């Protein structure tokens, strides 16, 4: 069977990972194992963490390989500045990330950030429907 070439940062099923940030019921630094990889354009992962929690639709930005996590603990920045901003560093909002919704946003339990523009639209729609 022919093997397919994966993007450099894509993980495979069975890979050992560590949570880079606090997730729902999963503290930062908790180890886990990828049990499912899905998506074509946006790859998401289902992970079974060592504390018994299963989470799905987790973005690569909130997962680290064992090597990346060791480098992070040594004080290095294995993800570069863009990786830190994607995980929840507020510096991206100050850098002019205003897309008409005041910038910002809110992280979901899986670590994916919902843009503030979409949150504002949802709030306005709920208000219209309630009236």
N, C-alpha and C. Protein backbone atom coordinates (compact mmCIF):
# COMPACT_ATOMS: atom_id res chain seq x y z
N UNK A 1 0.84 -1.17 0.00
CA UNK A 1 0.00 0.00 0.00
C UNK A 1 0.89 1.24 0.00
N UNK A 2 0.56 2.20 -0.81
CA UNK A 2 1.34 3.43 -0.89
C UNK A 2 1.03 4.33 0.30
N UNK A 3 2.06 5.00 0.79
CA UNK A 3 1.84 5.93 1.88
C UNK A 3 1.61 7.32 1.32
N UNK A 4 0.85 8.10 2.04
CA UNK A 4 0.60 9.47 1.61
C UNK A 4 1.48 10.42 2.40
N UNK A 5 1.89 11.48 1.76
CA UNK A 5 2.70 12.48 2.43
C UNK A 5 1.78 13.41 3.20
N UNK A 6 2.07 13.58 4.48
CA UNK A 6 1.27 14.46 5.33
C UNK A 6 1.97 15.81 5.45
N UNK A 7 1.20 16.86 5.69
CA UNK A 7 1.84 18.13 6.00
C UNK A 7 2.72 17.96 7.24
N UNK A 8 3.74 18.78 7.34
CA UNK A 8 4.74 18.64 8.40
C UNK A 8 4.11 18.64 9.79
N UNK A 9 3.13 19.50 10.02
CA UNK A 9 2.58 19.62 11.36
C UNK A 9 1.37 18.73 11.61
N UNK A 10 0.93 17.93 10.63
CA UNK A 10 -0.23 17.06 10.84
C UNK A 10 0.18 15.82 11.63
N UNK A 11 -0.68 15.40 12.51
CA UNK A 11 -0.43 14.25 13.36
C UNK A 11 -1.18 13.03 12.83
N UNK A 12 -0.71 11.85 13.19
CA UNK A 12 -1.34 10.62 12.74
C UNK A 12 -2.13 9.97 13.88
N UNK A 13 -3.04 9.09 13.52
CA UNK A 13 -3.77 8.31 14.51
C UNK A 13 -2.76 7.51 15.33
N UNK A 14 -2.94 7.50 16.63
CA UNK A 14 -2.05 6.77 17.52
C UNK A 14 -0.90 7.61 18.06
N UNK A 15 -0.74 8.84 17.56
CA UNK A 15 0.35 9.70 18.02
C UNK A 15 0.10 10.14 19.46
N UNK A 16 1.16 10.20 20.23
CA UNK A 16 1.09 10.69 21.61
C UNK A 16 1.17 12.21 21.57
N UNK A 17 0.25 12.87 22.28
CA UNK A 17 0.19 14.33 22.29
C UNK A 17 0.02 14.83 23.73
N UNK A 18 0.18 16.15 23.87
CA UNK A 18 0.00 16.82 25.16
C UNK A 18 -0.88 18.05 24.91
N UNK A 19 -1.80 18.32 25.83
CA UNK A 19 -2.65 19.50 25.71
C UNK A 19 -1.81 20.74 26.01
N UNK A 20 -1.76 21.68 25.04
CA UNK A 20 -0.98 22.91 25.22
C UNK A 20 -1.69 23.93 26.08
N UNK A 21 -3.01 23.85 26.15
CA UNK A 21 -3.80 24.79 26.94
C UNK A 21 -4.82 24.01 27.75
N UNK A 22 -5.47 24.67 28.69
CA UNK A 22 -6.56 24.05 29.43
C UNK A 22 -7.74 23.85 28.50
N UNK A 23 -8.24 22.63 28.45
CA UNK A 23 -9.44 22.31 27.69
C UNK A 23 -10.52 21.89 28.69
N UNK A 24 -11.72 21.65 28.20
CA UNK A 24 -12.80 21.21 29.08
C UNK A 24 -12.41 19.91 29.77
N UNK A 25 -12.27 19.94 31.09
CA UNK A 25 -11.92 18.78 31.93
C UNK A 25 -10.52 18.23 31.64
N UNK A 26 -9.71 18.97 30.93
CA UNK A 26 -8.34 18.53 30.62
C UNK A 26 -7.38 19.67 30.93
N UNK A 27 -6.59 19.56 32.01
CA UNK A 27 -5.64 20.62 32.32
C UNK A 27 -4.48 20.66 31.32
N UNK A 28 -3.87 21.82 31.22
CA UNK A 28 -2.69 21.99 30.37
C UNK A 28 -1.63 20.99 30.80
N UNK A 29 -0.96 20.38 29.82
CA UNK A 29 0.11 19.44 30.11
C UNK A 29 -0.34 17.99 30.22
N UNK A 30 -1.64 17.73 30.08
CA UNK A 30 -2.15 16.37 30.17
C UNK A 30 -1.82 15.62 28.89
N UNK A 31 -1.24 14.44 29.04
CA UNK A 31 -0.88 13.62 27.89
C UNK A 31 -2.10 12.88 27.36
N UNK A 32 -2.04 12.49 26.10
CA UNK A 32 -3.13 11.76 25.49
C UNK A 32 -2.67 11.08 24.22
N UNK A 33 -3.62 10.42 23.57
CA UNK A 33 -3.33 9.69 22.35
C UNK A 33 -4.42 9.99 21.33
N UNK A 34 -4.03 10.26 20.09
CA UNK A 34 -4.99 10.56 19.03
C UNK A 34 -5.68 9.26 18.63
N UNK A 35 -7.03 9.29 18.66
CA UNK A 35 -7.79 8.10 18.30
C UNK A 35 -8.48 8.25 16.95
N UNK A 36 -8.60 9.50 16.45
CA UNK A 36 -9.23 9.72 15.16
C UNK A 36 -8.74 11.04 14.57
N UNK A 37 -8.46 11.03 13.29
CA UNK A 37 -8.10 12.24 12.55
C UNK A 37 -9.16 12.43 11.49
N UNK A 38 -9.78 13.63 11.46
CA UNK A 38 -10.78 13.85 10.41
C UNK A 38 -10.68 15.26 9.86
N UNK A 39 -11.25 15.44 8.69
CA UNK A 39 -11.22 16.73 8.01
C UNK A 39 -10.26 16.70 6.84
N UNK A 40 -10.61 17.50 5.83
CA UNK A 40 -9.75 17.57 4.65
C UNK A 40 -9.04 18.92 4.58
N UNK A 41 -9.79 19.99 4.71
CA UNK A 41 -9.19 21.32 4.66
C UNK A 41 -8.74 21.72 6.06
N UNK A 42 -9.59 21.49 7.04
CA UNK A 42 -9.26 21.79 8.43
C UNK A 42 -9.19 20.46 9.18
N UNK A 43 -8.00 20.03 9.49
CA UNK A 43 -7.82 18.76 10.17
C UNK A 43 -8.11 18.92 11.65
N UNK A 44 -8.95 18.01 12.17
CA UNK A 44 -9.30 18.01 13.59
C UNK A 44 -8.97 16.65 14.17
N UNK A 45 -8.79 16.62 15.47
CA UNK A 45 -8.36 15.39 16.12
C UNK A 45 -9.30 15.02 17.26
N UNK A 46 -9.54 13.72 17.42
CA UNK A 46 -10.20 13.19 18.61
C UNK A 46 -9.09 12.59 19.45
N UNK A 47 -9.08 12.97 20.74
CA UNK A 47 -7.98 12.56 21.61
C UNK A 47 -8.54 11.91 22.88
N UNK A 48 -7.92 10.80 23.29
CA UNK A 48 -8.21 10.18 24.57
C UNK A 48 -7.09 10.59 25.51
N UNK A 49 -7.42 11.42 26.49
CA UNK A 49 -6.41 11.92 27.42
C UNK A 49 -6.22 10.93 28.57
N UNK A 50 -5.05 11.01 29.20
CA UNK A 50 -4.70 10.08 30.27
C UNK A 50 -5.59 10.20 31.50
N UNK A 51 -6.30 11.32 31.64
CA UNK A 51 -7.20 11.46 32.79
C UNK A 51 -8.58 10.87 32.51
N UNK A 52 -8.74 10.15 31.38
CA UNK A 52 -9.98 9.46 31.06
C UNK A 52 -10.96 10.26 30.23
N UNK A 53 -10.63 11.48 29.87
CA UNK A 53 -11.53 12.33 29.10
C UNK A 53 -11.25 12.15 27.60
N UNK A 54 -12.32 12.03 26.82
CA UNK A 54 -12.24 11.99 25.37
C UNK A 54 -12.75 13.33 24.86
N UNK A 55 -11.99 13.98 23.97
CA UNK A 55 -12.45 15.23 23.35
C UNK A 55 -12.28 15.13 21.85
N UNK A 56 -13.23 15.73 21.12
CA UNK A 56 -13.17 15.71 19.67
C UNK A 56 -13.12 17.10 19.09
N UNK A 57 -12.86 17.16 17.80
CA UNK A 57 -12.76 18.42 17.05
C UNK A 57 -11.72 19.34 17.66
N UNK A 58 -10.60 18.79 18.04
CA UNK A 58 -9.51 19.59 18.60
C UNK A 58 -8.57 20.00 17.48
N UNK A 59 -8.25 21.28 17.45
CA UNK A 59 -7.35 21.82 16.44
C UNK A 59 -5.90 21.50 16.79
N UNK A 60 -5.06 21.42 15.79
CA UNK A 60 -3.63 21.13 16.01
C UNK A 60 -2.96 22.18 16.88
N UNK A 61 -3.46 23.43 16.86
CA UNK A 61 -2.85 24.51 17.63
C UNK A 61 -2.89 24.29 19.13
N UNK A 62 -3.76 23.41 19.61
CA UNK A 62 -3.84 23.18 21.06
C UNK A 62 -3.24 21.84 21.45
N UNK A 63 -2.58 21.17 20.51
CA UNK A 63 -1.91 19.91 20.79
C UNK A 63 -0.42 20.04 20.51
N UNK A 64 0.37 19.39 21.33
CA UNK A 64 1.81 19.38 21.15
C UNK A 64 2.30 17.93 21.13
N UNK A 65 3.32 17.68 20.34
CA UNK A 65 3.95 16.37 20.39
C UNK A 65 4.81 16.32 21.65
N UNK A 66 5.26 15.14 22.01
CA UNK A 66 6.10 15.00 23.21
C UNK A 66 7.38 15.83 23.08
N UNK A 67 7.97 15.85 21.89
CA UNK A 67 9.20 16.63 21.67
C UNK A 67 8.92 18.13 21.80
N UNK A 68 7.82 18.60 21.19
CA UNK A 68 7.47 20.01 21.30
C UNK A 68 7.23 20.41 22.76
N UNK A 69 6.57 19.54 23.51
CA UNK A 69 6.26 19.85 24.91
C UNK A 69 7.55 19.91 25.74
N UNK A 70 8.49 19.00 25.49
CA UNK A 70 9.77 19.03 26.21
C UNK A 70 10.51 20.33 25.92
N UNK A 71 10.53 20.75 24.65
CA UNK A 71 11.19 22.00 24.30
C UNK A 71 10.50 23.19 24.96
N UNK A 72 9.17 23.16 25.04
CA UNK A 72 8.41 24.22 25.70
C UNK A 72 8.77 24.29 27.19
N UNK A 73 8.90 23.13 27.84
CA UNK A 73 9.23 23.11 29.27
C UNK A 73 10.65 23.61 29.54
N UNK A 74 11.53 23.47 28.54
CA UNK A 74 12.90 23.97 28.67
C UNK A 74 12.97 25.48 28.46
N UNK A 75 11.86 26.10 28.06
CA UNK A 75 11.84 27.54 27.86
C UNK A 75 11.96 27.95 26.42
N UNK A 76 12.07 27.00 25.51
CA UNK A 76 12.13 27.32 24.08
C UNK A 76 10.71 27.57 23.57
N UNK A 77 10.60 28.12 22.37
CA UNK A 77 9.30 28.35 21.76
C UNK A 77 9.20 27.49 20.50
N UNK A 78 8.79 26.22 20.65
CA UNK A 78 8.76 25.32 19.49
C UNK A 78 7.71 25.67 18.46
N UNK A 79 6.74 26.54 18.78
CA UNK A 79 5.66 26.86 17.86
C UNK A 79 5.85 28.21 17.20
N UNK A 80 6.81 28.99 17.62
CA UNK A 80 6.98 30.33 17.07
C UNK A 80 5.92 31.26 17.63
N UNK A 81 5.98 32.51 17.25
CA UNK A 81 5.04 33.49 17.80
C UNK A 81 3.63 33.29 17.28
N UNK A 82 3.47 32.79 16.04
CA UNK A 82 2.11 32.60 15.51
C UNK A 82 1.39 31.48 16.23
N UNK A 83 2.10 30.44 16.67
CA UNK A 83 1.48 29.35 17.41
C UNK A 83 0.98 29.82 18.75
N UNK A 84 1.73 30.68 19.43
CA UNK A 84 1.31 31.18 20.73
C UNK A 84 0.09 32.06 20.58
N UNK A 85 0.02 32.84 19.52
CA UNK A 85 -1.13 33.72 19.32
C UNK A 85 -2.37 32.90 19.02
N UNK A 86 -2.21 31.77 18.34
CA UNK A 86 -3.37 30.96 18.00
C UNK A 86 -3.94 30.26 19.22
N UNK A 87 -3.12 30.01 20.24
CA UNK A 87 -3.59 29.31 21.41
C UNK A 87 -4.36 30.21 22.34
N UNK A 88 -4.18 31.50 22.28
CA UNK A 88 -4.95 32.36 23.13
C UNK A 88 -4.18 33.56 23.63
N UNK A 89 -3.04 33.86 23.05
CA UNK A 89 -2.28 35.03 23.43
C UNK A 89 -3.03 36.27 22.97
N UNK A 90 -3.27 37.22 23.86
CA UNK A 90 -4.06 38.39 23.54
C UNK A 90 -3.34 39.40 22.67
N UNK A 91 -2.07 39.17 22.33
CA UNK A 91 -1.32 40.13 21.53
C UNK A 91 -1.88 40.23 20.11
N UNK A 92 -2.54 39.17 19.61
CA UNK A 92 -3.09 39.23 18.26
C UNK A 92 -4.23 40.22 18.17
N UNK A 93 -5.00 40.41 19.26
CA UNK A 93 -6.09 41.37 19.25
C UNK A 93 -5.57 42.79 19.20
N UNK A 94 -4.45 43.06 19.86
CA UNK A 94 -3.89 44.40 19.88
C UNK A 94 -3.18 44.74 18.58
N UNK A 95 -2.85 43.72 17.80
CA UNK A 95 -2.08 43.94 16.57
C UNK A 95 -2.97 44.32 15.39
N UNK A 96 -4.20 44.67 15.65
CA UNK A 96 -5.07 45.10 14.55
C UNK A 96 -5.88 43.98 13.97
N UNK A 97 -6.27 43.01 14.77
CA UNK A 97 -7.08 41.90 14.30
C UNK A 97 -8.54 42.26 14.19
N UNK A 98 -8.87 43.53 14.01
CA UNK A 98 -10.25 43.99 13.95
C UNK A 98 -10.85 43.65 12.59
N UNK A 99 -11.82 42.74 12.60
CA UNK A 99 -12.47 42.35 11.35
C UNK A 99 -13.91 42.82 11.35
N UNK A 100 -14.16 43.97 11.96
CA UNK A 100 -15.51 44.50 11.97
C UNK A 100 -16.29 44.13 13.22
N UNK A 101 -15.75 43.25 14.05
CA UNK A 101 -16.46 42.83 15.24
C UNK A 101 -15.74 43.21 16.49
N UNK A 102 -14.80 44.13 16.42
CA UNK A 102 -14.06 44.55 17.60
C UNK A 102 -12.91 43.63 17.94
N UNK A 103 -12.58 42.67 17.08
CA UNK A 103 -11.50 41.75 17.36
C UNK A 103 -11.91 40.80 18.46
N UNK A 104 -10.96 40.08 18.98
CA UNK A 104 -11.24 39.18 20.09
C UNK A 104 -12.01 37.96 19.65
N UNK A 105 -12.73 37.42 20.58
CA UNK A 105 -13.47 36.21 20.34
C UNK A 105 -13.53 35.41 21.62
N UNK A 106 -13.99 34.19 21.51
CA UNK A 106 -14.11 33.33 22.67
C UNK A 106 -13.67 31.93 22.28
N UNK A 107 -12.87 31.30 23.12
CA UNK A 107 -12.42 29.95 22.85
C UNK A 107 -13.49 28.95 23.27
N UNK A 108 -13.72 27.95 22.43
CA UNK A 108 -14.65 26.88 22.77
C UNK A 108 -13.93 25.88 23.66
N UNK A 109 -14.63 24.93 24.25
CA UNK A 109 -13.96 23.94 25.10
C UNK A 109 -12.88 23.15 24.37
N UNK A 110 -13.00 22.99 23.05
CA UNK A 110 -11.99 22.24 22.31
C UNK A 110 -10.81 23.11 21.91
N UNK A 111 -10.87 24.41 22.22
CA UNK A 111 -9.75 25.28 21.95
C UNK A 111 -9.88 26.09 20.68
N UNK A 112 -10.92 25.88 19.92
CA UNK A 112 -11.14 26.64 18.70
C UNK A 112 -11.68 28.01 19.06
N UNK A 113 -11.19 29.06 18.42
CA UNK A 113 -11.63 30.41 18.72
C UNK A 113 -12.75 30.83 17.77
N UNK A 114 -13.85 31.31 18.34
CA UNK A 114 -14.97 31.83 17.56
C UNK A 114 -14.76 33.34 17.47
N UNK A 115 -14.66 33.92 16.27
CA UNK A 115 -14.43 35.36 16.13
C UNK A 115 -15.55 36.19 16.76
N UNK A 116 -15.18 37.33 17.31
CA UNK A 116 -16.14 38.20 17.97
C UNK A 116 -17.25 38.63 17.03
N UNK A 117 -16.94 38.83 15.75
CA UNK A 117 -17.95 39.21 14.77
C UNK A 117 -19.10 38.21 14.75
N UNK A 118 -18.78 36.91 14.78
CA UNK A 118 -19.82 35.89 14.76
C UNK A 118 -20.60 35.86 16.06
N UNK A 119 -19.92 36.10 17.18
CA UNK A 119 -20.62 36.16 18.47
C UNK A 119 -21.60 37.32 18.49
N UNK A 120 -21.19 38.47 17.93
CA UNK A 120 -22.06 39.64 17.87
C UNK A 120 -23.28 39.38 16.97
N UNK A 121 -23.05 38.71 15.84
CA UNK A 121 -24.16 38.39 14.94
C UNK A 121 -25.17 37.48 15.63
N UNK A 122 -24.67 36.48 16.36
CA UNK A 122 -25.56 35.56 17.06
C UNK A 122 -26.37 36.27 18.12
N UNK A 123 -25.74 37.16 18.87
CA UNK A 123 -26.44 37.92 19.90
C UNK A 123 -27.53 38.80 19.29
N UNK A 124 -27.24 39.43 18.15
CA UNK A 124 -28.23 40.28 17.48
C UNK A 124 -29.40 39.44 16.98
N UNK A 125 -29.13 38.25 16.44
CA UNK A 125 -30.19 37.37 15.96
C UNK A 125 -31.07 36.89 17.10
N UNK A 126 -30.47 36.53 18.23
CA UNK A 126 -31.27 36.11 19.39
C UNK A 126 -32.16 37.24 19.87
N UNK A 127 -31.63 38.46 19.84
CA UNK A 127 -32.40 39.62 20.27
C UNK A 127 -33.60 39.86 19.32
N UNK A 128 -33.35 39.73 18.00
CA UNK A 128 -34.42 39.91 17.02
C UNK A 128 -35.52 38.86 17.20
N UNK A 129 -35.11 37.62 17.42
CA UNK A 129 -36.08 36.54 17.55
C UNK A 129 -36.89 36.63 18.84
N UNK A 130 -36.29 37.18 19.88
CA UNK A 130 -36.98 37.31 21.17
C UNK A 130 -38.02 38.42 21.13
N UNK A 131 -37.85 39.40 20.25
CA UNK A 131 -38.77 40.54 20.19
C UNK A 131 -40.05 40.22 19.50
